[in-house]
């Protein structure tokens, strides 16, 4: 992969991850948004490009096993959306 393209991909993933984290924090206080789900999606995206976020994700999974199921669902949703985006881009 071209280094410039890789950097753009990393920047896009970081921006999307932080956007979901911010929405998740807002969702903890607003009844309309699903705060925990947005936080899980945001941390998954950040864990794709950040070793620190990957470590945090592993710690959360160990400490809160019930939340690991939500995390798995959020990760599956993100993978589906990224795969759909790549398919559309190739077409």
C-alpha atoms as a PDB file:
ATOM      1  CA  UNK A   1       0.000   0.000   0.000  1.00  0.00           C
ATOM      2  CA  UNK A   2       1.239   3.464  -0.869  1.00  0.00           C
ATOM      3  CA  UNK A   3       2.542   5.311   2.245  1.00  0.00           C
ATOM      4  CA  UNK A   4       0.427   8.390   1.494  1.00  0.00           C
ATOM      5  CA  UNK A   5      -2.689   6.256   1.158  1.00  0.00           C
ATOM      6  CA  UNK A   6      -1.829   4.400   4.363  1.00  0.00           C
ATOM      7  CA  UNK A   7      -1.480   7.716   6.214  1.00  0.00           C
ATOM      8  CA  UNK A   8      -4.851   8.920   4.874  1.00  0.00           C
ATOM      9  CA  UNK A   9      -6.457   5.636   5.945  1.00  0.00           C
ATOM     10  CA  UNK A  10      -4.939   5.940   9.429  1.00  0.00           C
ATOM     11  CA  UNK A  11      -6.116   9.556   9.742  1.00  0.00           C
ATOM     12  CA  UNK A  12      -9.622   8.632   8.597  1.00  0.00           C
ATOM     13  CA  UNK A  13      -9.826   5.743  11.086  1.00  0.00           C
ATOM     14  CA  UNK A  14      -8.556   7.968  13.921  1.00  0.00           C
ATOM     15  CA  UNK A  15     -11.074  10.699  13.087  1.00  0.00           C
ATOM     16  CA  UNK A  16     -13.959   8.236  12.895  1.00  0.00           C
ATOM     17  CA  UNK A  17     -12.863   6.541  16.115  1.00  0.00           C
ATOM     18  CA  UNK A  18     -12.719   9.792  18.062  1.00  0.00           C
ATOM     19  CA  UNK A  19     -16.040  10.883  16.582  1.00  0.00           C
ATOM     20  CA  UNK A  20     -17.668   7.698  17.888  1.00  0.00           C
ATOM     21  CA  UNK A  21     -16.014   8.108  21.288  1.00  0.00           C
ATOM     22  CA  UNK A  22     -17.359  11.668  21.553  1.00  0.00           C
ATOM     23  CA  UNK A  23     -20.828  10.495  20.500  1.00  0.00           C
ATOM     24  CA  UNK A  24     -20.557   7.714  23.079  1.00  0.00           C
ATOM     25  CA  UNK A  25     -19.739  10.140  25.867  1.00  0.00           C
ATOM     26  CA  UNK A  26     -22.667  12.331  24.797  1.00  0.00           C
ATOM     27  CA  UNK A  27     -24.830   9.228  24.630  1.00  0.00           C
ATOM     28  CA  UNK A  28     -24.119   8.467  28.254  1.00  0.00           C
ATOM     29  CA  UNK A  29     -25.989  11.671  29.144  1.00  0.00           C
ATOM     30  CA  UNK A  30     -28.544  11.914  26.321  1.00  0.00           C
ATOM     31  CA  UNK A  31     -31.326   9.328  26.239  1.00  0.00           C
ATOM     32  CA  UNK A  32     -31.495   9.362  22.420  1.00  0.00           C
ATOM     33  CA  UNK A  33     -28.006   7.953  21.741  1.00  0.00           C
ATOM     34  CA  UNK A  34     -26.683   4.507  22.660  1.00  0.00           C
ATOM     35  CA  UNK A  35     -23.596   5.669  24.543  1.00  0.00           C
ATOM     36  CA  UNK A  36     -22.017   2.304  25.293  1.00  0.00           C
ATOM     37  CA  UNK A  37     -22.407   1.077  21.720  1.00  0.00           C
ATOM     38  CA  UNK A  38     -20.821   4.237  20.300  1.00  0.00           C
ATOM     39  CA  UNK A  39     -17.961   3.964  22.784  1.00  0.00           C
ATOM     40  CA  UNK A  40     -17.336   0.339  21.800  1.00  0.00           C
ATOM     41  CA  UNK A  41     -17.334   1.180  18.092  1.00  0.00           C
ATOM     42  CA  UNK A  42     -15.029   4.126  18.702  1.00  0.00           C
ATOM     43  CA  UNK A  43     -12.555   2.091  20.741  1.00  0.00           C
ATOM     44  CA  UNK A  44     -12.592  -0.665  18.144  1.00  0.00           C
ATOM     45  CA  UNK A  45     -11.733   1.811  15.396  1.00  0.00           C
ATOM     46  CA  UNK A  46      -9.004   3.381  17.506  1.00  0.00           C
ATOM     47  CA  UNK A  47      -7.609  -0.063  18.327  1.00  0.00           C
ATOM     48  CA  UNK A  48      -7.056  -0.661  14.618  1.00  0.00           C
ATOM     49  CA  UNK A  49      -4.370   2.026  14.515  1.00  0.00           C
ATOM     50  CA  UNK A  50      -3.336   2.651  18.137  1.00  0.00           C
ATOM     51  CA  UNK A  51      -1.464   0.189  20.374  1.00  0.00           C
ATOM     52  CA  UNK A  52      -2.628   2.071  23.472  1.00  0.00           C
ATOM     53  CA  UNK A  53      -6.284   1.709  22.468  1.00  0.00           C
ATOM     54  CA  UNK A  54      -5.675  -1.996  21.722  1.00  0.00           C
ATOM     55  CA  UNK A  55      -4.309  -2.471  25.248  1.00  0.00           C
ATOM     56  CA  UNK A  56      -7.273  -0.614  26.759  1.00  0.00           C
ATOM     57  CA  UNK A  57      -9.662  -2.800  24.785  1.00  0.00           C
ATOM     58  CA  UNK A  58      -8.002  -5.973  26.087  1.00  0.00           C
ATOM     59  CA  UNK A  59      -8.151  -4.711  29.681  1.00  0.00           C
ATOM     60  CA  UNK A  60     -11.846  -3.883  29.383  1.00  0.00           C
ATOM     61  CA  UNK A  61     -12.556  -7.354  27.970  1.00  0.00           C
ATOM     62  CA  UNK A  62     -10.823  -9.005  30.935  1.00  0.00           C
ATOM     63  CA  UNK A  63     -12.423  -6.829  33.583  1.00  0.00           C
ATOM     64  CA  UNK A  64     -15.967  -6.803  32.158  1.00  0.00           C
ATOM     65  CA  UNK A  65     -16.713 -10.114  30.407  1.00  0.00           C
ATOM     66  CA  UNK A  66     -20.377  -9.213  29.822  1.00  0.00           C
ATOM     67  CA  UNK A  67     -19.321  -6.064  28.009  1.00  0.00           C
ATOM     68  CA  UNK A  68     -17.094  -8.215  25.773  1.00  0.00           C
ATOM     69  CA  UNK A  69     -20.245  -9.474  24.031  1.00  0.00           C
ATOM     70  CA  UNK A  70     -21.293  -5.893  23.240  1.00  0.00           C
ATOM     71  CA  UNK A  71     -17.794  -5.199  22.066  1.00  0.00           C
ATOM     72  CA  UNK A  72     -17.916  -8.201  19.727  1.00  0.00           C
ATOM     73  CA  UNK A  73     -21.230  -6.998  18.288  1.00  0.00           C
ATOM     74  CA  UNK A  74     -19.854  -3.496  17.754  1.00  0.00           C
ATOM     75  CA  UNK A  75     -16.709  -4.868  16.092  1.00  0.00           C
ATOM     76  CA  UNK A  76     -18.798  -7.060  13.778  1.00  0.00           C
ATOM     77  CA  UNK A  77     -20.897  -4.036  12.802  1.00  0.00           C
ATOM     78  CA  UNK A  78     -17.795  -1.977  12.022  1.00  0.00           C
ATOM     79  CA  UNK A  79     -16.269  -4.814   9.983  1.00  0.00           C
ATOM     80  CA  UNK A  80     -19.477  -5.122   7.935  1.00  0.00           C
ATOM     81  CA  UNK A  81     -19.589  -1.384   7.282  1.00  0.00           C
ATOM     82  CA  UNK A  82     -15.917  -1.245   6.263  1.00  0.00           C
ATOM     83  CA  UNK A  83     -16.365  -4.257   3.970  1.00  0.00           C
ATOM     84  CA  UNK A  84     -19.426  -2.658   2.351  1.00  0.00           C
ATOM     85  CA  UNK A  85     -17.475   0.544   1.813  1.00  0.00           C
ATOM     86  CA  UNK A  86     -14.595  -1.336   0.189  1.00  0.00           C
ATOM     87  CA  UNK A  87     -16.983  -3.253  -2.089  1.00  0.00           C
ATOM     88  CA  UNK A  88     -18.645  -0.011  -3.186  1.00  0.00           C
ATOM     89  CA  UNK A  89     -15.264   1.590  -3.764  1.00  0.00           C
ATOM     90  CA  UNK A  90     -14.109  -1.302  -5.995  1.00  0.00           C
ATOM     91  CA  UNK A  91     -17.276  -1.145  -8.104  1.00  0.00           C
END
